[in-house]
Amino acid sequence: MFGDMMGMMNKIKETQQKVEETKERLKTVSIEEKSSHGLLSVTITATREIKNINVADELLEDKEQLEDYLVLTLNKAIAKASDINEKELAAVAKDGMPDIPGMDMLK
């Protein structure tokens, strides 16, 4: 009984370590999103940190259009980054779930 408990505790610790390693790796995953006409591009990490924004010169002449492109493009990039982040962390957590009787529904 205690061996099972120790095994579960070790598996949980192992999973926590893998989650932390995955979080660190996700900081290096870059996502680039471009606006519909390619006048604006945004690069962010899978942890949703903005790394770069490129704006075409012609967008600098229209403040309202630039603002619209920024909002739309950033939101698309953030959505992609969030999706990648959630899937990666969920996969690590799922793999690390200990075998607890009656908890099969979580796997």
N, C-alpha and C. Protein backbone atom coordinates (compact mmCIF):
# COMPACT_ATOMS: atom_id res chain seq x y z
N MET A 1 0.82 -1.20 0.00
CA MET A 1 0.00 0.00 0.00
C MET A 1 0.86 1.27 0.00
N PHE A 2 1.85 1.28 0.91
CA PHE A 2 2.70 2.48 0.98
C PHE A 2 3.60 2.58 -0.24
N GLY A 3 3.94 1.41 -0.81
CA GLY A 3 4.74 1.42 -2.04
C GLY A 3 3.98 2.08 -3.17
N ASP A 4 2.69 1.77 -3.26
CA ASP A 4 1.85 2.40 -4.27
C ASP A 4 1.79 3.91 -4.06
N MET A 5 1.67 4.29 -2.79
CA MET A 5 1.58 5.71 -2.47
C MET A 5 2.89 6.42 -2.82
N MET A 6 4.01 5.79 -2.52
CA MET A 6 5.31 6.38 -2.85
C MET A 6 5.49 6.47 -4.36
N GLY A 7 5.03 5.43 -5.05
CA GLY A 7 5.11 5.44 -6.51
C GLY A 7 4.30 6.58 -7.10
N MET A 8 3.10 6.78 -6.56
CA MET A 8 2.25 7.89 -7.05
C MET A 8 2.91 9.24 -6.77
N MET A 9 3.47 9.38 -5.58
CA MET A 9 4.12 10.65 -5.22
C MET A 9 5.32 10.92 -6.14
N ASN A 10 6.07 9.88 -6.44
CA ASN A 10 7.22 10.03 -7.34
C ASN A 10 6.75 10.41 -8.74
N LYS A 11 5.65 9.78 -9.19
CA LYS A 11 5.12 10.08 -10.52
C LYS A 11 4.63 11.53 -10.58
N ILE A 12 4.01 12.00 -9.51
CA ILE A 12 3.53 13.39 -9.46
C ILE A 12 4.72 14.35 -9.52
N LYS A 13 5.77 14.06 -8.76
CA LYS A 13 6.97 14.90 -8.78
C LYS A 13 7.60 14.92 -10.17
N GLU A 14 7.65 13.75 -10.79
CA GLU A 14 8.20 13.61 -12.14
C GLU A 14 7.38 14.44 -13.13
N THR A 15 6.08 14.38 -12.99
CA THR A 15 5.19 15.15 -13.88
C THR A 15 5.38 16.64 -13.67
N GLN A 16 5.50 17.06 -12.42
CA GLN A 16 5.73 18.48 -12.14
C GLN A 16 7.01 18.96 -12.82
N GLN A 17 8.04 18.14 -12.76
CA GLN A 17 9.31 18.48 -13.41
C GLN A 17 9.13 18.60 -14.92
N LYS A 18 8.39 17.64 -15.50
CA LYS A 18 8.15 17.67 -16.95
C LYS A 18 7.32 18.90 -17.34
N VAL A 19 6.36 19.28 -16.50
CA VAL A 19 5.56 20.47 -16.78
C VAL A 19 6.46 21.71 -16.79
N GLU A 20 7.34 21.80 -15.81
CA GLU A 20 8.26 22.95 -15.76
C GLU A 20 9.19 22.98 -16.97
N GLU A 21 9.68 21.82 -17.38
CA GLU A 21 10.54 21.74 -18.56
C GLU A 21 9.77 22.15 -19.82
N THR A 22 8.51 21.73 -19.89
CA THR A 22 7.68 22.10 -21.04
C THR A 22 7.43 23.60 -21.06
N LYS A 23 7.18 24.19 -19.91
CA LYS A 23 6.98 25.65 -19.83
C LYS A 23 8.21 26.40 -20.33
N GLU A 24 9.38 25.92 -19.94
CA GLU A 24 10.62 26.56 -20.39
C GLU A 24 10.78 26.41 -21.90
N ARG A 25 10.49 25.22 -22.42
CA ARG A 25 10.61 24.99 -23.87
C ARG A 25 9.64 25.86 -24.64
N LEU A 26 8.44 26.05 -24.11
CA LEU A 26 7.43 26.86 -24.80
C LEU A 26 7.85 28.32 -24.93
N LYS A 27 8.76 28.76 -24.08
CA LYS A 27 9.29 30.12 -24.18
C LYS A 27 10.10 30.30 -25.47
N THR A 28 10.57 29.18 -26.04
CA THR A 28 11.40 29.26 -27.23
C THR A 28 10.63 28.97 -28.52
N VAL A 29 9.36 28.61 -28.40
CA VAL A 29 8.54 28.31 -29.57
C VAL A 29 7.97 29.62 -30.11
N SER A 30 8.30 29.95 -31.35
CA SER A 30 7.85 31.21 -31.95
C SER A 30 6.67 30.98 -32.89
N ILE A 31 5.74 31.91 -32.84
CA ILE A 31 4.57 31.89 -33.72
C ILE A 31 4.55 33.22 -34.45
N GLU A 32 4.46 33.15 -35.78
CA GLU A 32 4.37 34.39 -36.56
C GLU A 32 2.98 34.46 -37.18
N GLU A 33 2.36 35.61 -37.01
CA GLU A 33 1.03 35.84 -37.58
C GLU A 33 1.12 37.10 -38.43
N LYS A 34 0.51 37.03 -39.62
CA LYS A 34 0.50 38.18 -40.53
C LYS A 34 -0.93 38.68 -40.70
N SER A 35 -1.05 39.97 -40.95
CA SER A 35 -2.36 40.54 -41.23
C SER A 35 -2.84 40.07 -42.59
N SER A 36 -4.10 40.30 -42.88
CA SER A 36 -4.70 39.78 -44.11
C SER A 36 -3.98 40.25 -45.38
N HIS A 37 -3.45 41.44 -45.40
CA HIS A 37 -2.76 41.95 -46.58
C HIS A 37 -1.23 41.88 -46.44
N GLY A 38 -0.77 41.29 -45.35
CA GLY A 38 0.66 41.15 -45.13
C GLY A 38 1.36 42.45 -44.77
N LEU A 39 0.60 43.46 -44.39
CA LEU A 39 1.19 44.76 -44.06
C LEU A 39 1.73 44.81 -42.62
N LEU A 40 1.33 43.84 -41.83
CA LEU A 40 1.75 43.80 -40.44
C LEU A 40 2.03 42.35 -40.08
N SER A 41 3.14 42.13 -39.37
CA SER A 41 3.41 40.78 -38.87
C SER A 41 3.83 40.88 -37.42
N VAL A 42 3.45 39.85 -36.67
CA VAL A 42 3.72 39.79 -35.24
C VAL A 42 4.35 38.44 -34.95
N THR A 43 5.39 38.45 -34.13
CA THR A 43 6.01 37.22 -33.67
C THR A 43 5.90 37.18 -32.15
N ILE A 44 5.31 36.07 -31.65
CA ILE A 44 5.20 35.89 -30.21
C ILE A 44 5.64 34.47 -29.87
N THR A 45 5.88 34.24 -28.59
CA THR A 45 6.23 32.89 -28.14
C THR A 45 4.96 32.15 -27.75
N ALA A 46 5.08 30.85 -27.55
CA ALA A 46 3.94 30.05 -27.11
C ALA A 46 3.51 30.41 -25.69
N THR A 47 4.35 31.18 -25.00
CA THR A 47 3.98 31.69 -23.67
C THR A 47 3.37 33.09 -23.75
N ARG A 48 3.06 33.49 -24.98
CA ARG A 48 2.36 34.75 -25.28
C ARG A 48 3.19 36.01 -24.99
N GLU A 49 4.49 35.90 -25.18
CA GLU A 49 5.37 37.06 -25.05
C GLU A 49 5.65 37.60 -26.45
N ILE A 50 5.35 38.87 -26.67
CA ILE A 50 5.57 39.49 -27.97
C ILE A 50 7.07 39.68 -28.17
N LYS A 51 7.57 39.19 -29.30
CA LYS A 51 9.00 39.28 -29.61
C LYS A 51 9.29 40.32 -30.68
N ASN A 52 8.35 40.47 -31.64
CA ASN A 52 8.62 41.37 -32.75
C ASN A 52 7.32 41.80 -33.41
N ILE A 53 7.29 43.05 -33.87
CA ILE A 53 6.18 43.58 -34.67
C ILE A 53 6.78 44.32 -35.85
N ASN A 54 6.38 43.94 -37.07
CA ASN A 54 6.82 44.63 -38.28
C ASN A 54 5.62 45.30 -38.92
N VAL A 55 5.79 46.58 -39.26
CA VAL A 55 4.71 47.37 -39.85
C VAL A 55 5.18 47.93 -41.18
N ALA A 56 4.38 47.71 -42.23
CA ALA A 56 4.70 48.29 -43.54
C ALA A 56 4.54 49.81 -43.46
N ASP A 57 5.38 50.51 -44.20
CA ASP A 57 5.37 51.98 -44.18
C ASP A 57 4.00 52.57 -44.50
N GLU A 58 3.28 51.94 -45.42
CA GLU A 58 1.98 52.50 -45.81
C GLU A 58 0.97 52.46 -44.67
N LEU A 59 1.16 51.58 -43.71
CA LEU A 59 0.24 51.54 -42.56
C LEU A 59 0.48 52.71 -41.61
N LEU A 60 1.68 53.25 -41.65
CA LEU A 60 2.00 54.36 -40.76
C LEU A 60 1.24 55.63 -41.14
N GLU A 61 0.68 55.66 -42.32
CA GLU A 61 -0.07 56.82 -42.77
C GLU A 61 -1.52 56.80 -42.30
N ASP A 62 -2.00 55.66 -41.83
CA ASP A 62 -3.40 55.52 -41.41
C ASP A 62 -3.45 54.91 -40.01
N LYS A 63 -3.50 55.79 -39.02
CA LYS A 63 -3.46 55.36 -37.62
C LYS A 63 -4.58 54.38 -37.28
N GLU A 64 -5.78 54.65 -37.72
CA GLU A 64 -6.92 53.79 -37.41
C GLU A 64 -6.76 52.39 -38.01
N GLN A 65 -6.30 52.33 -39.26
CA GLN A 65 -6.09 51.04 -39.90
C GLN A 65 -4.97 50.27 -39.18
N LEU A 66 -3.91 50.96 -38.80
CA LEU A 66 -2.81 50.32 -38.07
C LEU A 66 -3.32 49.73 -36.76
N GLU A 67 -4.10 50.50 -36.03
CA GLU A 67 -4.65 50.02 -34.76
C GLU A 67 -5.52 48.78 -34.98
N ASP A 68 -6.36 48.81 -36.01
CA ASP A 68 -7.21 47.66 -36.32
C ASP A 68 -6.38 46.42 -36.65
N TYR A 69 -5.36 46.61 -37.50
CA TYR A 69 -4.50 45.49 -37.88
C TYR A 69 -3.77 44.93 -36.65
N LEU A 70 -3.31 45.81 -35.79
CA LEU A 70 -2.61 45.36 -34.58
C LEU A 70 -3.53 44.52 -33.70
N VAL A 71 -4.73 44.99 -33.46
CA VAL A 71 -5.66 44.26 -32.60
C VAL A 71 -5.98 42.89 -33.20
N LEU A 72 -6.34 42.86 -34.47
CA LEU A 72 -6.71 41.60 -35.13
C LEU A 72 -5.54 40.62 -35.18
N THR A 73 -4.39 41.10 -35.58
CA THR A 73 -3.23 40.23 -35.76
C THR A 73 -2.71 39.73 -34.41
N LEU A 74 -2.66 40.61 -33.43
CA LEU A 74 -2.22 40.18 -32.10
C LEU A 74 -3.19 39.16 -31.50
N ASN A 75 -4.48 39.40 -31.66
CA ASN A 75 -5.46 38.44 -31.12
C ASN A 75 -5.34 37.08 -31.78
N LYS A 76 -5.10 37.04 -33.09
CA LYS A 76 -4.92 35.75 -33.78
C LYS A 76 -3.66 35.06 -33.27
N ALA A 77 -2.58 35.81 -33.12
CA ALA A 77 -1.32 35.22 -32.65
C ALA A 77 -1.46 34.71 -31.22
N ILE A 78 -2.13 35.47 -30.37
CA ILE A 78 -2.33 35.05 -28.98
C ILE A 78 -3.19 33.79 -28.92
N ALA A 79 -4.21 33.71 -29.75
CA ALA A 79 -5.07 32.53 -29.78
C ALA A 79 -4.27 31.29 -30.18
N LYS A 80 -3.42 31.42 -31.20
CA LYS A 80 -2.58 30.29 -31.62
C LYS A 80 -1.61 29.89 -30.51
N ALA A 81 -0.99 30.88 -29.88
CA ALA A 81 -0.03 30.61 -28.81
C ALA A 81 -0.72 29.92 -27.64
N SER A 82 -1.92 30.39 -27.29
CA SER A 82 -2.66 29.79 -26.18
C SER A 82 -3.02 28.34 -26.49
N ASP A 83 -3.41 28.09 -27.71
CA ASP A 83 -3.78 26.74 -28.12
C ASP A 83 -2.57 25.79 -28.00
N ILE A 84 -1.44 26.23 -28.51
CA ILE A 84 -0.22 25.42 -28.43
C ILE A 84 0.16 25.18 -26.97
N ASN A 85 0.13 26.24 -26.18
CA ASN A 85 0.49 26.17 -24.77
C ASN A 85 -0.40 25.17 -24.03
N GLU A 86 -1.70 25.31 -24.20
CA GLU A 86 -2.64 24.44 -23.50
C GLU A 86 -2.50 22.98 -23.92
N LYS A 87 -2.35 22.73 -25.22
CA LYS A 87 -2.21 21.35 -25.70
C LYS A 87 -0.94 20.70 -25.18
N GLU A 88 0.16 21.43 -25.20
CA GLU A 88 1.44 20.87 -24.74
C GLU A 88 1.39 20.55 -23.25
N LEU A 89 0.90 21.49 -22.45
CA LEU A 89 0.85 21.26 -21.01
C LEU A 89 -0.15 20.17 -20.64
N ALA A 90 -1.27 20.12 -21.35
CA ALA A 90 -2.27 19.08 -21.08
C ALA A 90 -1.71 17.70 -21.40
N ALA A 91 -0.95 17.60 -22.47
CA ALA A 91 -0.36 16.31 -22.85
C ALA A 91 0.61 15.82 -21.78
N VAL A 92 1.42 16.73 -21.26
CA VAL A 92 2.39 16.35 -20.22
C VAL A 92 1.65 15.95 -18.95
N ALA A 93 0.64 16.71 -18.58
CA ALA A 93 -0.11 16.41 -17.36
C ALA A 93 -0.86 15.08 -17.49
N LYS A 94 -1.44 14.85 -18.65
CA LYS A 94 -2.19 13.61 -18.88
C LYS A 94 -1.28 12.39 -18.78
N ASP A 95 -0.11 12.48 -19.38
CA ASP A 95 0.85 11.37 -19.33
C ASP A 95 1.32 11.10 -17.91
N GLY A 96 1.32 12.12 -17.08
CA GLY A 96 1.83 11.97 -15.72
C GLY A 96 0.80 11.63 -14.69
N MET A 97 -0.45 11.43 -15.10
CA MET A 97 -1.49 11.10 -14.13
C MET A 97 -1.21 9.73 -13.53
N PRO A 98 -1.20 9.63 -12.19
CA PRO A 98 -1.00 8.32 -11.57
C PRO A 98 -2.22 7.44 -11.80
N ASP A 99 -2.01 6.13 -11.73
CA ASP A 99 -3.11 5.17 -11.90
C ASP A 99 -3.87 5.06 -10.58
N ILE A 100 -4.93 5.84 -10.47
CA ILE A 100 -5.78 5.81 -9.27
C ILE A 100 -7.08 5.11 -9.66
N PRO A 101 -7.41 4.06 -8.97
CA PRO A 101 -8.64 3.34 -9.31
C PRO A 101 -9.86 4.27 -9.33
N GLY A 102 -10.66 4.14 -10.37
CA GLY A 102 -11.86 4.95 -10.50
C GLY A 102 -11.62 6.30 -11.15
N MET A 103 -10.38 6.63 -11.45
CA MET A 103 -10.05 7.92 -12.05
C MET A 103 -9.70 7.80 -13.53
N ASP A 104 -10.05 6.67 -14.13
CA ASP A 104 -9.76 6.43 -15.54
C ASP A 104 -10.39 7.46 -16.46
N MET A 105 -11.47 8.08 -16.02
CA MET A 105 -12.19 9.03 -16.87
C MET A 105 -11.37 10.27 -17.19
N LEU A 106 -10.33 10.55 -16.39
CA LEU A 106 -9.50 11.73 -16.60
C LEU A 106 -8.43 11.50 -17.65
N LYS A 107 -8.19 10.28 -18.02
CA LYS A 107 -7.13 9.99 -18.98
C LYS A 107 -7.62 10.06 -20.39
